[in-house]
């Protein structure tokens, strides 16, 4: 399903950056 399922946080740079911090 990955060719259609949008990644979480894709529309929000701040949320993506929070993921980056959470997973080092």
PDBML (XML) file of the C-alpha atoms, coordinates in Angstrom:
<?xml version="1.0" encoding="UTF-8" ?>
<PDBx:datablock datablockName="MODEL"
   xmlns:PDBx="http://pdbml.pdb.org/schema/pdbx-v50.xsd"
   xmlns:xsi="http://www.w3.org/2001/XMLSchema-instance"
   xsi:schemaLocation="http://pdbml.pdb.org/schema/pdbx-v50.xsd pdbx-v50.xsd">
   <PDBx:atom_siteCategory>
      <PDBx:atom_site id="1">
         <PDBx:B_iso_or_equiv>0.00</PDBx:B_iso_or_equiv>
         <PDBx:Cartn_x>0.000</PDBx:Cartn_x>
         <PDBx:Cartn_y>0.000</PDBx:Cartn_y>
         <PDBx:Cartn_z>0.000</PDBx:Cartn_z>
         <PDBx:auth_asym_id>A</PDBx:auth_asym_id>
         <PDBx:auth_atom_id>CA</PDBx:auth_atom_id>
         <PDBx:auth_comp_id>UNK</PDBx:auth_comp_id>
         <PDBx:auth_seq_id>1</PDBx:auth_seq_id>
         <PDBx:group_PDB>ATOM</PDBx:group_PDB>
         <PDBx:label_alt_id xsi:nil="true" />
         <PDBx:label_asym_id>A</PDBx:label_asym_id>
         <PDBx:label_atom_id>CA</PDBx:label_atom_id>
         <PDBx:label_comp_id>UNK</PDBx:label_comp_id>
         <PDBx:label_entity_id>1</PDBx:label_entity_id>
         <PDBx:label_seq_id>1</PDBx:label_seq_id>
         <PDBx:occupancy>1.00</PDBx:occupancy>
         <PDBx:pdbx_PDB_model_num>1</PDBx:pdbx_PDB_model_num>
         <PDBx:type_symbol>C</PDBx:type_symbol>
      </PDBx:atom_site>
      <PDBx:atom_site id="2">
         <PDBx:B_iso_or_equiv>0.00</PDBx:B_iso_or_equiv>
         <PDBx:Cartn_x>2.991</PDBx:Cartn_x>
         <PDBx:Cartn_y>2.298</PDBx:Cartn_y>
         <PDBx:Cartn_z>0.200</PDBx:Cartn_z>
         <PDBx:auth_asym_id>A</PDBx:auth_asym_id>
         <PDBx:auth_atom_id>CA</PDBx:auth_atom_id>
         <PDBx:auth_comp_id>UNK</PDBx:auth_comp_id>
         <PDBx:auth_seq_id>2</PDBx:auth_seq_id>
         <PDBx:group_PDB>ATOM</PDBx:group_PDB>
         <PDBx:label_alt_id xsi:nil="true" />
         <PDBx:label_asym_id>A</PDBx:label_asym_id>
         <PDBx:label_atom_id>CA</PDBx:label_atom_id>
         <PDBx:label_comp_id>UNK</PDBx:label_comp_id>
         <PDBx:label_entity_id>1</PDBx:label_entity_id>
         <PDBx:label_seq_id>2</PDBx:label_seq_id>
         <PDBx:occupancy>1.00</PDBx:occupancy>
         <PDBx:pdbx_PDB_model_num>1</PDBx:pdbx_PDB_model_num>
         <PDBx:type_symbol>C</PDBx:type_symbol>
      </PDBx:atom_site>
      <PDBx:atom_site id="3">
         <PDBx:B_iso_or_equiv>0.00</PDBx:B_iso_or_equiv>
         <PDBx:Cartn_x>2.571</PDBx:Cartn_x>
         <PDBx:Cartn_y>3.795</PDBx:Cartn_y>
         <PDBx:Cartn_z>-3.267</PDBx:Cartn_z>
         <PDBx:auth_asym_id>A</PDBx:auth_asym_id>
         <PDBx:auth_atom_id>CA</PDBx:auth_atom_id>
         <PDBx:auth_comp_id>UNK</PDBx:auth_comp_id>
         <PDBx:auth_seq_id>3</PDBx:auth_seq_id>
         <PDBx:group_PDB>ATOM</PDBx:group_PDB>
         <PDBx:label_alt_id xsi:nil="true" />
         <PDBx:label_asym_id>A</PDBx:label_asym_id>
         <PDBx:label_atom_id>CA</PDBx:label_atom_id>
         <PDBx:label_comp_id>UNK</PDBx:label_comp_id>
         <PDBx:label_entity_id>1</PDBx:label_entity_id>
         <PDBx:label_seq_id>3</PDBx:label_seq_id>
         <PDBx:occupancy>1.00</PDBx:occupancy>
         <PDBx:pdbx_PDB_model_num>1</PDBx:pdbx_PDB_model_num>
         <PDBx:type_symbol>C</PDBx:type_symbol>
      </PDBx:atom_site>
      <PDBx:atom_site id="4">
         <PDBx:B_iso_or_equiv>0.00</PDBx:B_iso_or_equiv>
         <PDBx:Cartn_x>-0.730</PDBx:Cartn_x>
         <PDBx:Cartn_y>5.365</PDBx:Cartn_y>
         <PDBx:Cartn_z>-2.163</PDBx:Cartn_z>
         <PDBx:auth_asym_id>A</PDBx:auth_asym_id>
         <PDBx:auth_atom_id>CA</PDBx:auth_atom_id>
         <PDBx:auth_comp_id>UNK</PDBx:auth_comp_id>
         <PDBx:auth_seq_id>4</PDBx:auth_seq_id>
         <PDBx:group_PDB>ATOM</PDBx:group_PDB>
         <PDBx:label_alt_id xsi:nil="true" />
         <PDBx:label_asym_id>A</PDBx:label_asym_id>
         <PDBx:label_atom_id>CA</PDBx:label_atom_id>
         <PDBx:label_comp_id>UNK</PDBx:label_comp_id>
         <PDBx:label_entity_id>1</PDBx:label_entity_id>
         <PDBx:label_seq_id>4</PDBx:label_seq_id>
         <PDBx:occupancy>1.00</PDBx:occupancy>
         <PDBx:pdbx_PDB_model_num>1</PDBx:pdbx_PDB_model_num>
         <PDBx:type_symbol>C</PDBx:type_symbol>
      </PDBx:atom_site>
      <PDBx:atom_site id="5">
         <PDBx:B_iso_or_equiv>0.00</PDBx:B_iso_or_equiv>
         <PDBx:Cartn_x>-0.577</PDBx:Cartn_x>
         <PDBx:Cartn_y>5.648</PDBx:Cartn_y>
         <PDBx:Cartn_z>1.635</PDBx:Cartn_z>
         <PDBx:auth_asym_id>A</PDBx:auth_asym_id>
         <PDBx:auth_atom_id>CA</PDBx:auth_atom_id>
         <PDBx:auth_comp_id>UNK</PDBx:auth_comp_id>
         <PDBx:auth_seq_id>5</PDBx:auth_seq_id>
         <PDBx:group_PDB>ATOM</PDBx:group_PDB>
         <PDBx:label_alt_id xsi:nil="true" />
         <PDBx:label_asym_id>A</PDBx:label_asym_id>
         <PDBx:label_atom_id>CA</PDBx:label_atom_id>
         <PDBx:label_comp_id>UNK</PDBx:label_comp_id>
         <PDBx:label_entity_id>1</PDBx:label_entity_id>
         <PDBx:label_seq_id>5</PDBx:label_seq_id>
         <PDBx:occupancy>1.00</PDBx:occupancy>
         <PDBx:pdbx_PDB_model_num>1</PDBx:pdbx_PDB_model_num>
         <PDBx:type_symbol>C</PDBx:type_symbol>
      </PDBx:atom_site>
      <PDBx:atom_site id="6">
         <PDBx:B_iso_or_equiv>0.00</PDBx:B_iso_or_equiv>
         <PDBx:Cartn_x>0.679</PDBx:Cartn_x>
         <PDBx:Cartn_y>9.100</PDBx:Cartn_y>
         <PDBx:Cartn_z>2.612</PDBx:Cartn_z>
         <PDBx:auth_asym_id>A</PDBx:auth_asym_id>
         <PDBx:auth_atom_id>CA</PDBx:auth_atom_id>
         <PDBx:auth_comp_id>UNK</PDBx:auth_comp_id>
         <PDBx:auth_seq_id>6</PDBx:auth_seq_id>
         <PDBx:group_PDB>ATOM</PDBx:group_PDB>
         <PDBx:label_alt_id xsi:nil="true" />
         <PDBx:label_asym_id>A</PDBx:label_asym_id>
         <PDBx:label_atom_id>CA</PDBx:label_atom_id>
         <PDBx:label_comp_id>UNK</PDBx:label_comp_id>
         <PDBx:label_entity_id>1</PDBx:label_entity_id>
         <PDBx:label_seq_id>6</PDBx:label_seq_id>
         <PDBx:occupancy>1.00</PDBx:occupancy>
         <PDBx:pdbx_PDB_model_num>1</PDBx:pdbx_PDB_model_num>
         <PDBx:type_symbol>C</PDBx:type_symbol>
      </PDBx:atom_site>
      <PDBx:atom_site id="7">
         <PDBx:B_iso_or_equiv>0.00</PDBx:B_iso_or_equiv>
         <PDBx:Cartn_x>3.409</PDBx:Cartn_x>
         <PDBx:Cartn_y>9.122</PDBx:Cartn_y>
         <PDBx:Cartn_z>5.234</PDBx:Cartn_z>
         <PDBx:auth_asym_id>A</PDBx:auth_asym_id>
         <PDBx:auth_atom_id>CA</PDBx:auth_atom_id>
         <PDBx:auth_comp_id>UNK</PDBx:auth_comp_id>
         <PDBx:auth_seq_id>7</PDBx:auth_seq_id>
         <PDBx:group_PDB>ATOM</PDBx:group_PDB>
         <PDBx:label_alt_id xsi:nil="true" />
         <PDBx:label_asym_id>A</PDBx:label_asym_id>
         <PDBx:label_atom_id>CA</PDBx:label_atom_id>
         <PDBx:label_comp_id>UNK</PDBx:label_comp_id>
         <PDBx:label_entity_id>1</PDBx:label_entity_id>
         <PDBx:label_seq_id>7</PDBx:label_seq_id>
         <PDBx:occupancy>1.00</PDBx:occupancy>
         <PDBx:pdbx_PDB_model_num>1</PDBx:pdbx_PDB_model_num>
         <PDBx:type_symbol>C</PDBx:type_symbol>
      </PDBx:atom_site>
      <PDBx:atom_site id="8">
         <PDBx:B_iso_or_equiv>0.00</PDBx:B_iso_or_equiv>
         <PDBx:Cartn_x>2.409</PDBx:Cartn_x>
         <PDBx:Cartn_y>10.418</PDBx:Cartn_y>
         <PDBx:Cartn_z>8.676</PDBx:Cartn_z>
         <PDBx:auth_asym_id>A</PDBx:auth_asym_id>
         <PDBx:auth_atom_id>CA</PDBx:auth_atom_id>
         <PDBx:auth_comp_id>UNK</PDBx:auth_comp_id>
         <PDBx:auth_seq_id>8</PDBx:auth_seq_id>
         <PDBx:group_PDB>ATOM</PDBx:group_PDB>
         <PDBx:label_alt_id xsi:nil="true" />
         <PDBx:label_asym_id>A</PDBx:label_asym_id>
         <PDBx:label_atom_id>CA</PDBx:label_atom_id>
         <PDBx:label_comp_id>UNK</PDBx:label_comp_id>
         <PDBx:label_entity_id>1</PDBx:label_entity_id>
         <PDBx:label_seq_id>8</PDBx:label_seq_id>
         <PDBx:occupancy>1.00</PDBx:occupancy>
         <PDBx:pdbx_PDB_model_num>1</PDBx:pdbx_PDB_model_num>
         <PDBx:type_symbol>C</PDBx:type_symbol>
      </PDBx:atom_site>
      <PDBx:atom_site id="9">
         <PDBx:B_iso_or_equiv>0.00</PDBx:B_iso_or_equiv>
         <PDBx:Cartn_x>3.345</PDBx:Cartn_x>
         <PDBx:Cartn_y>14.051</PDBx:Cartn_y>
         <PDBx:Cartn_z>9.190</PDBx:Cartn_z>
         <PDBx:auth_asym_id>A</PDBx:auth_asym_id>
         <PDBx:auth_atom_id>CA</PDBx:auth_atom_id>
         <PDBx:auth_comp_id>UNK</PDBx:auth_comp_id>
         <PDBx:auth_seq_id>9</PDBx:auth_seq_id>
         <PDBx:group_PDB>ATOM</PDBx:group_PDB>
         <PDBx:label_alt_id xsi:nil="true" />
         <PDBx:label_asym_id>A</PDBx:label_asym_id>
         <PDBx:label_atom_id>CA</PDBx:label_atom_id>
         <PDBx:label_comp_id>UNK</PDBx:label_comp_id>
         <PDBx:label_entity_id>1</PDBx:label_entity_id>
         <PDBx:label_seq_id>9</PDBx:label_seq_id>
         <PDBx:occupancy>1.00</PDBx:occupancy>
         <PDBx:pdbx_PDB_model_num>1</PDBx:pdbx_PDB_model_num>
         <PDBx:type_symbol>C</PDBx:type_symbol>
      </PDBx:atom_site>
      <PDBx:atom_site id="10">
         <PDBx:B_iso_or_equiv>0.00</PDBx:B_iso_or_equiv>
         <PDBx:Cartn_x>3.928</PDBx:Cartn_x>
         <PDBx:Cartn_y>14.566</PDBx:Cartn_y>
         <PDBx:Cartn_z>5.474</PDBx:Cartn_z>
         <PDBx:auth_asym_id>A</PDBx:auth_asym_id>
         <PDBx:auth_atom_id>CA</PDBx:auth_atom_id>
         <PDBx:auth_comp_id>UNK</PDBx:auth_comp_id>
         <PDBx:auth_seq_id>10</PDBx:auth_seq_id>
         <PDBx:group_PDB>ATOM</PDBx:group_PDB>
         <PDBx:label_alt_id xsi:nil="true" />
         <PDBx:label_asym_id>A</PDBx:label_asym_id>
         <PDBx:label_atom_id>CA</PDBx:label_atom_id>
         <PDBx:label_comp_id>UNK</PDBx:label_comp_id>
         <PDBx:label_entity_id>1</PDBx:label_entity_id>
         <PDBx:label_seq_id>10</PDBx:label_seq_id>
         <PDBx:occupancy>1.00</PDBx:occupancy>
         <PDBx:pdbx_PDB_model_num>1</PDBx:pdbx_PDB_model_num>
         <PDBx:type_symbol>C</PDBx:type_symbol>
      </PDBx:atom_site>
      <PDBx:atom_site id="11">
         <PDBx:B_iso_or_equiv>0.00</PDBx:B_iso_or_equiv>
         <PDBx:Cartn_x>1.944</PDBx:Cartn_x>
         <PDBx:Cartn_y>17.809</PDBx:Cartn_y>
         <PDBx:Cartn_z>5.429</PDBx:Cartn_z>
         <PDBx:auth_asym_id>A</PDBx:auth_asym_id>
         <PDBx:auth_atom_id>CA</PDBx:auth_atom_id>
         <PDBx:auth_comp_id>UNK</PDBx:auth_comp_id>
         <PDBx:auth_seq_id>11</PDBx:auth_seq_id>
         <PDBx:group_PDB>ATOM</PDBx:group_PDB>
         <PDBx:label_alt_id xsi:nil="true" />
         <PDBx:label_asym_id>A</PDBx:label_asym_id>
         <PDBx:label_atom_id>CA</PDBx:label_atom_id>
         <PDBx:label_comp_id>UNK</PDBx:label_comp_id>
         <PDBx:label_entity_id>1</PDBx:label_entity_id>
         <PDBx:label_seq_id>11</PDBx:label_seq_id>
         <PDBx:occupancy>1.00</PDBx:occupancy>
         <PDBx:pdbx_PDB_model_num>1</PDBx:pdbx_PDB_model_num>
         <PDBx:type_symbol>C</PDBx:type_symbol>
      </PDBx:atom_site>
      <PDBx:atom_site id="12">
         <PDBx:B_iso_or_equiv>0.00</PDBx:B_iso_or_equiv>
         <PDBx:Cartn_x>3.538</PDBx:Cartn_x>
         <PDBx:Cartn_y>19.246</PDBx:Cartn_y>
         <PDBx:Cartn_z>8.600</PDBx:Cartn_z>
         <PDBx:auth_asym_id>A</PDBx:auth_asym_id>
         <PDBx:auth_atom_id>CA</PDBx:auth_atom_id>
         <PDBx:auth_comp_id>UNK</PDBx:auth_comp_id>
         <PDBx:auth_seq_id>12</PDBx:auth_seq_id>
         <PDBx:group_PDB>ATOM</PDBx:group_PDB>
         <PDBx:label_alt_id xsi:nil="true" />
         <PDBx:label_asym_id>A</PDBx:label_asym_id>
         <PDBx:label_atom_id>CA</PDBx:label_atom_id>
         <PDBx:label_comp_id>UNK</PDBx:label_comp_id>
         <PDBx:label_entity_id>1</PDBx:label_entity_id>
         <PDBx:label_seq_id>12</PDBx:label_seq_id>
         <PDBx:occupancy>1.00</PDBx:occupancy>
         <PDBx:pdbx_PDB_model_num>1</PDBx:pdbx_PDB_model_num>
         <PDBx:type_symbol>C</PDBx:type_symbol>
      </PDBx:atom_site>
      <PDBx:atom_site id="13">
         <PDBx:B_iso_or_equiv>0.00</PDBx:B_iso_or_equiv>
         <PDBx:Cartn_x>7.300</PDBx:Cartn_x>
         <PDBx:Cartn_y>19.916</PDBx:Cartn_y>
         <PDBx:Cartn_z>8.784</PDBx:Cartn_z>
         <PDBx:auth_asym_id>A</PDBx:auth_asym_id>
         <PDBx:auth_atom_id>CA</PDBx:auth_atom_id>
         <PDBx:auth_comp_id>UNK</PDBx:auth_comp_id>
         <PDBx:auth_seq_id>13</PDBx:auth_seq_id>
         <PDBx:group_PDB>ATOM</PDBx:group_PDB>
         <PDBx:label_alt_id xsi:nil="true" />
         <PDBx:label_asym_id>A</PDBx:label_asym_id>
         <PDBx:label_atom_id>CA</PDBx:label_atom_id>
         <PDBx:label_comp_id>UNK</PDBx:label_comp_id>
         <PDBx:label_entity_id>1</PDBx:label_entity_id>
         <PDBx:label_seq_id>13</PDBx:label_seq_id>
         <PDBx:occupancy>1.00</PDBx:occupancy>
         <PDBx:pdbx_PDB_model_num>1</PDBx:pdbx_PDB_model_num>
         <PDBx:type_symbol>C</PDBx:type_symbol>
      </PDBx:atom_site>
      <PDBx:atom_site id="14">
         <PDBx:B_iso_or_equiv>0.00</PDBx:B_iso_or_equiv>
         <PDBx:Cartn_x>7.112</PDBx:Cartn_x>
         <PDBx:Cartn_y>20.442</PDBx:Cartn_y>
         <PDBx:Cartn_z>12.538</PDBx:Cartn_z>
         <PDBx:auth_asym_id>A</PDBx:auth_asym_id>
         <PDBx:auth_atom_id>CA</PDBx:auth_atom_id>
         <PDBx:auth_comp_id>UNK</PDBx:auth_comp_id>
         <PDBx:auth_seq_id>14</PDBx:auth_seq_id>
         <PDBx:group_PDB>ATOM</PDBx:group_PDB>
         <PDBx:label_alt_id xsi:nil="true" />
         <PDBx:label_asym_id>A</PDBx:label_asym_id>
         <PDBx:label_atom_id>CA</PDBx:label_atom_id>
         <PDBx:label_comp_id>UNK</PDBx:label_comp_id>
         <PDBx:label_entity_id>1</PDBx:label_entity_id>
         <PDBx:label_seq_id>14</PDBx:label_seq_id>
         <PDBx:occupancy>1.00</PDBx:occupancy>
         <PDBx:pdbx_PDB_model_num>1</PDBx:pdbx_PDB_model_num>
         <PDBx:type_symbol>C</PDBx:type_symbol>
      </PDBx:atom_site>
      <PDBx:atom_site id="15">
         <PDBx:B_iso_or_equiv>0.00</PDBx:B_iso_or_equiv>
         <PDBx:Cartn_x>5.562</PDBx:Cartn_x>
         <PDBx:Cartn_y>17.006</PDBx:Cartn_y>
         <PDBx:Cartn_z>13.071</PDBx:Cartn_z>
         <PDBx:auth_asym_id>A</PDBx:auth_asym_id>
         <PDBx:auth_atom_id>CA</PDBx:auth_atom_id>
         <PDBx:auth_comp_id>UNK</PDBx:auth_comp_id>
         <PDBx:auth_seq_id>15</PDBx:auth_seq_id>
         <PDBx:group_PDB>ATOM</PDBx:group_PDB>
         <PDBx:label_alt_id xsi:nil="true" />
         <PDBx:label_asym_id>A</PDBx:label_asym_id>
         <PDBx:label_atom_id>CA</PDBx:label_atom_id>
         <PDBx:label_comp_id>UNK</PDBx:label_comp_id>
         <PDBx:label_entity_id>1</PDBx:label_entity_id>
         <PDBx:label_seq_id>15</PDBx:label_seq_id>
         <PDBx:occupancy>1.00</PDBx:occupancy>
         <PDBx:pdbx_PDB_model_num>1</PDBx:pdbx_PDB_model_num>
         <PDBx:type_symbol>C</PDBx:type_symbol>
      </PDBx:atom_site>
      <PDBx:atom_site id="16">
         <PDBx:B_iso_or_equiv>0.00</PDBx:B_iso_or_equiv>
         <PDBx:Cartn_x>8.190</PDBx:Cartn_x>
         <PDBx:Cartn_y>15.423</PDBx:Cartn_y>
         <PDBx:Cartn_z>10.830</PDBx:Cartn_z>
         <PDBx:auth_asym_id>A</PDBx:auth_asym_id>
         <PDBx:auth_atom_id>CA</PDBx:auth_atom_id>
         <PDBx:auth_comp_id>UNK</PDBx:auth_comp_id>
         <PDBx:auth_seq_id>16</PDBx:auth_seq_id>
         <PDBx:group_PDB>ATOM</PDBx:group_PDB>
         <PDBx:label_alt_id xsi:nil="true" />
         <PDBx:label_asym_id>A</PDBx:label_asym_id>
         <PDBx:label_atom_id>CA</PDBx:label_atom_id>
         <PDBx:label_comp_id>UNK</PDBx:label_comp_id>
         <PDBx:label_entity_id>1</PDBx:label_entity_id>
         <PDBx:label_seq_id>16</PDBx:label_seq_id>
         <PDBx:occupancy>1.00</PDBx:occupancy>
         <PDBx:pdbx_PDB_model_num>1</PDBx:pdbx_PDB_model_num>
         <PDBx:type_symbol>C</PDBx:type_symbol>
      </PDBx:atom_site>
      <PDBx:atom_site id="17">
         <PDBx:B_iso_or_equiv>0.00</PDBx:B_iso_or_equiv>
         <PDBx:Cartn_x>10.911</PDBx:Cartn_x>
         <PDBx:Cartn_y>17.104</PDBx:Cartn_y>
         <PDBx:Cartn_z>12.853</PDBx:Cartn_z>
         <PDBx:auth_asym_id>A</PDBx:auth_asym_id>
         <PDBx:auth_atom_id>CA</PDBx:auth_atom_id>
         <PDBx:auth_comp_id>UNK</PDBx:auth_comp_id>
         <PDBx:auth_seq_id>17</PDBx:auth_seq_id>
         <PDBx:group_PDB>ATOM</PDBx:group_PDB>
         <PDBx:label_alt_id xsi:nil="true" />
         <PDBx:label_asym_id>A</PDBx:label_asym_id>
         <PDBx:label_atom_id>CA</PDBx:label_atom_id>
         <PDBx:label_comp_id>UNK</PDBx:label_comp_id>
         <PDBx:label_entity_id>1</PDBx:label_entity_id>
         <PDBx:label_seq_id>17</PDBx:label_seq_id>
         <PDBx:occupancy>1.00</PDBx:occupancy>
         <PDBx:pdbx_PDB_model_num>1</PDBx:pdbx_PDB_model_num>
         <PDBx:type_symbol>C</PDBx:type_symbol>
      </PDBx:atom_site>
      <PDBx:atom_site id="18">
         <PDBx:B_iso_or_equiv>0.00</PDBx:B_iso_or_equiv>
         <PDBx:Cartn_x>9.363</PDBx:Cartn_x>
         <PDBx:Cartn_y>15.728</PDBx:Cartn_y>
         <PDBx:Cartn_z>16.040</PDBx:Cartn_z>
         <PDBx:auth_asym_id>A</PDBx:auth_asym_id>
         <PDBx:auth_atom_id>CA</PDBx:auth_atom_id>
         <PDBx:auth_comp_id>UNK</PDBx:auth_comp_id>
         <PDBx:auth_seq_id>18</PDBx:auth_seq_id>
         <PDBx:group_PDB>ATOM</PDBx:group_PDB>
         <PDBx:label_alt_id xsi:nil="true" />
         <PDBx:label_asym_id>A</PDBx:label_asym_id>
         <PDBx:label_atom_id>CA</PDBx:label_atom_id>
         <PDBx:label_comp_id>UNK</PDBx:label_comp_id>
         <PDBx:label_entity_id>1</PDBx:label_entity_id>
         <PDBx:label_seq_id>18</PDBx:label_seq_id>
         <PDBx:occupancy>1.00</PDBx:occupancy>
         <PDBx:pdbx_PDB_model_num>1</PDBx:pdbx_PDB_model_num>
         <PDBx:type_symbol>C</PDBx:type_symbol>
      </PDBx:atom_site>
      <PDBx:atom_site id="19">
         <PDBx:B_iso_or_equiv>0.00</PDBx:B_iso_or_equiv>
         <PDBx:Cartn_x>9.619</PDBx:Cartn_x>
         <PDBx:Cartn_y>12.241</PDBx:Cartn_y>
         <PDBx:Cartn_z>14.536</PDBx:Cartn_z>
         <PDBx:auth_asym_id>A</PDBx:auth_asym_id>
         <PDBx:auth_atom_id>CA</PDBx:auth_atom_id>
         <PDBx:auth_comp_id>UNK</PDBx:auth_comp_id>
         <PDBx:auth_seq_id>19</PDBx:auth_seq_id>
         <PDBx:group_PDB>ATOM</PDBx:group_PDB>
         <PDBx:label_alt_id xsi:nil="true" />
         <PDBx:label_asym_id>A</PDBx:label_asym_id>
         <PDBx:label_atom_id>CA</PDBx:label_atom_id>
         <PDBx:label_comp_id>UNK</PDBx:label_comp_id>
         <PDBx:label_entity_id>1</PDBx:label_entity_id>
         <PDBx:label_seq_id>19</PDBx:label_seq_id>
         <PDBx:occupancy>1.00</PDBx:occupancy>
         <PDBx:pdbx_PDB_model_num>1</PDBx:pdbx_PDB_model_num>
         <PDBx:type_symbol>C</PDBx:type_symbol>
      </PDBx:atom_site>
      <PDBx:atom_site id="20">
         <PDBx:B_iso_or_equiv>0.00</PDBx:B_iso_or_equiv>
         <PDBx:Cartn_x>13.284</PDBx:Cartn_x>
         <PDBx:Cartn_y>12.908</PDBx:Cartn_y>
         <PDBx:Cartn_z>13.722</PDBx:Cartn_z>
         <PDBx:auth_asym_id>A</PDBx:auth_asym_id>
         <PDBx:auth_atom_id>CA</PDBx:auth_atom_id>
         <PDBx:auth_comp_id>UNK</PDBx:auth_comp_id>
         <PDBx:auth_seq_id>20</PDBx:auth_seq_id>
         <PDBx:group_PDB>ATOM</PDBx:group_PDB>
         <PDBx:label_alt_id xsi:nil="true" />
         <PDBx:label_asym_id>A</PDBx:label_asym_id>
         <PDBx:label_atom_id>CA</PDBx:label_atom_id>
         <PDBx:label_comp_id>UNK</PDBx:label_comp_id>
         <PDBx:label_entity_id>1</PDBx:label_entity_id>
         <PDBx:label_seq_id>20</PDBx:label_seq_id>
         <PDBx:occupancy>1.00</PDBx:occupancy>
         <PDBx:pdbx_PDB_model_num>1</PDBx:pdbx_PDB_model_num>
         <PDBx:type_symbol>C</PDBx:type_symbol>
      </PDBx:atom_site>
      <PDBx:atom_site id="21">
         <PDBx:B_iso_or_equiv>0.00</PDBx:B_iso_or_equiv>
         <PDBx:Cartn_x>13.939</PDBx:Cartn_x>
         <PDBx:Cartn_y>13.775</PDBx:Cartn_y>
         <PDBx:Cartn_z>17.368</PDBx:Cartn_z>
         <PDBx:auth_asym_id>A</PDBx:auth_asym_id>
         <PDBx:auth_atom_id>CA</PDBx:auth_atom_id>
         <PDBx:auth_comp_id>UNK</PDBx:auth_comp_id>
         <PDBx:auth_seq_id>21</PDBx:auth_seq_id>
         <PDBx:group_PDB>ATOM</PDBx:group_PDB>
         <PDBx:label_alt_id xsi:nil="true" />
         <PDBx:label_asym_id>A</PDBx:label_asym_id>
         <PDBx:label_atom_id>CA</PDBx:label_atom_id>
         <PDBx:label_comp_id>UNK</PDBx:label_comp_id>
         <PDBx:label_entity_id>1</PDBx:label_entity_id>
         <PDBx:label_seq_id>21</PDBx:label_seq_id>
         <PDBx:occupancy>1.00</PDBx:occupancy>
         <PDBx:pdbx_PDB_model_num>1</PDBx:pdbx_PDB_model_num>
         <PDBx:type_symbol>C</PDBx:type_symbol>
      </PDBx:atom_site>
      <PDBx:atom_site id="22">
         <PDBx:B_iso_or_equiv>0.00</PDBx:B_iso_or_equiv>
         <PDBx:Cartn_x>11.951</PDBx:Cartn_x>
         <PDBx:Cartn_y>10.802</PDBx:Cartn_y>
         <PDBx:Cartn_z>18.666</PDBx:Cartn_z>
         <PDBx:auth_asym_id>A</PDBx:auth_asym_id>
         <PDBx:auth_atom_id>CA</PDBx:auth_atom_id>
         <PDBx:auth_comp_id>UNK</PDBx:auth_comp_id>
         <PDBx:auth_seq_id>22</PDBx:auth_seq_id>
         <PDBx:group_PDB>ATOM</PDBx:group_PDB>
         <PDBx:label_alt_id xsi:nil="true" />
         <PDBx:label_asym_id>A</PDBx:label_asym_id>
         <PDBx:label_atom_id>CA</PDBx:label_atom_id>
         <PDBx:label_comp_id>UNK</PDBx:label_comp_id>
         <PDBx:label_entity_id>1</PDBx:label_entity_id>
         <PDBx:label_seq_id>22</PDBx:label_seq_id>
         <PDBx:occupancy>1.00</PDBx:occupancy>
         <PDBx:pdbx_PDB_model_num>1</PDBx:pdbx_PDB_model_num>
         <PDBx:type_symbol>C</PDBx:type_symbol>
      </PDBx:atom_site>
      <PDBx:atom_site id="23">
         <PDBx:B_iso_or_equiv>0.00</PDBx:B_iso_or_equiv>
         <PDBx:Cartn_x>13.947</PDBx:Cartn_x>
         <PDBx:Cartn_y>8.298</PDBx:Cartn_y>
         <PDBx:Cartn_z>16.572</PDBx:Cartn_z>
         <PDBx:auth_asym_id>A</PDBx:auth_asym_id>
         <PDBx:auth_atom_id>CA</PDBx:auth_atom_id>
         <PDBx:auth_comp_id>UNK</PDBx:auth_comp_id>
         <PDBx:auth_seq_id>23</PDBx:auth_seq_id>
         <PDBx:group_PDB>ATOM</PDBx:group_PDB>
         <PDBx:label_alt_id xsi:nil="true" />
         <PDBx:label_asym_id>A</PDBx:label_asym_id>
         <PDBx:label_atom_id>CA</PDBx:label_atom_id>
         <PDBx:label_comp_id>UNK</PDBx:label_comp_id>
         <PDBx:label_entity_id>1</PDBx:label_entity_id>
         <PDBx:label_seq_id>23</PDBx:label_seq_id>
         <PDBx:occupancy>1.00</PDBx:occupancy>
         <PDBx:pdbx_PDB_model_num>1</PDBx:pdbx_PDB_model_num>
         <PDBx:type_symbol>C</PDBx:type_symbol>
      </PDBx:atom_site>
      <PDBx:atom_site id="24">
         <PDBx:B_iso_or_equiv>0.00</PDBx:B_iso_or_equiv>
         <PDBx:Cartn_x>17.313</PDBx:Cartn_x>
         <PDBx:Cartn_y>10.052</PDBx:Cartn_y>
         <PDBx:Cartn_z>16.894</PDBx:Cartn_z>
         <PDBx:auth_asym_id>A</PDBx:auth_asym_id>
         <PDBx:auth_atom_id>CA</PDBx:auth_atom_id>
         <PDBx:auth_comp_id>UNK</PDBx:auth_comp_id>
         <PDBx:auth_seq_id>24</PDBx:auth_seq_id>
         <PDBx:group_PDB>ATOM</PDBx:group_PDB>
         <PDBx:label_alt_id xsi:nil="true" />
         <PDBx:label_asym_id>A</PDBx:label_asym_id>
         <PDBx:label_atom_id>CA</PDBx:label_atom_id>
         <PDBx:label_comp_id>UNK</PDBx:label_comp_id>
         <PDBx:label_entity_id>1</PDBx:label_entity_id>
         <PDBx:label_seq_id>24</PDBx:label_seq_id>
         <PDBx:occupancy>1.00</PDBx:occupancy>
         <PDBx:pdbx_PDB_model_num>1</PDBx:pdbx_PDB_model_num>
         <PDBx:type_symbol>C</PDBx:type_symbol>
      </PDBx:atom_site>
   </PDBx:atom_siteCategory>
</PDBx:datablock>
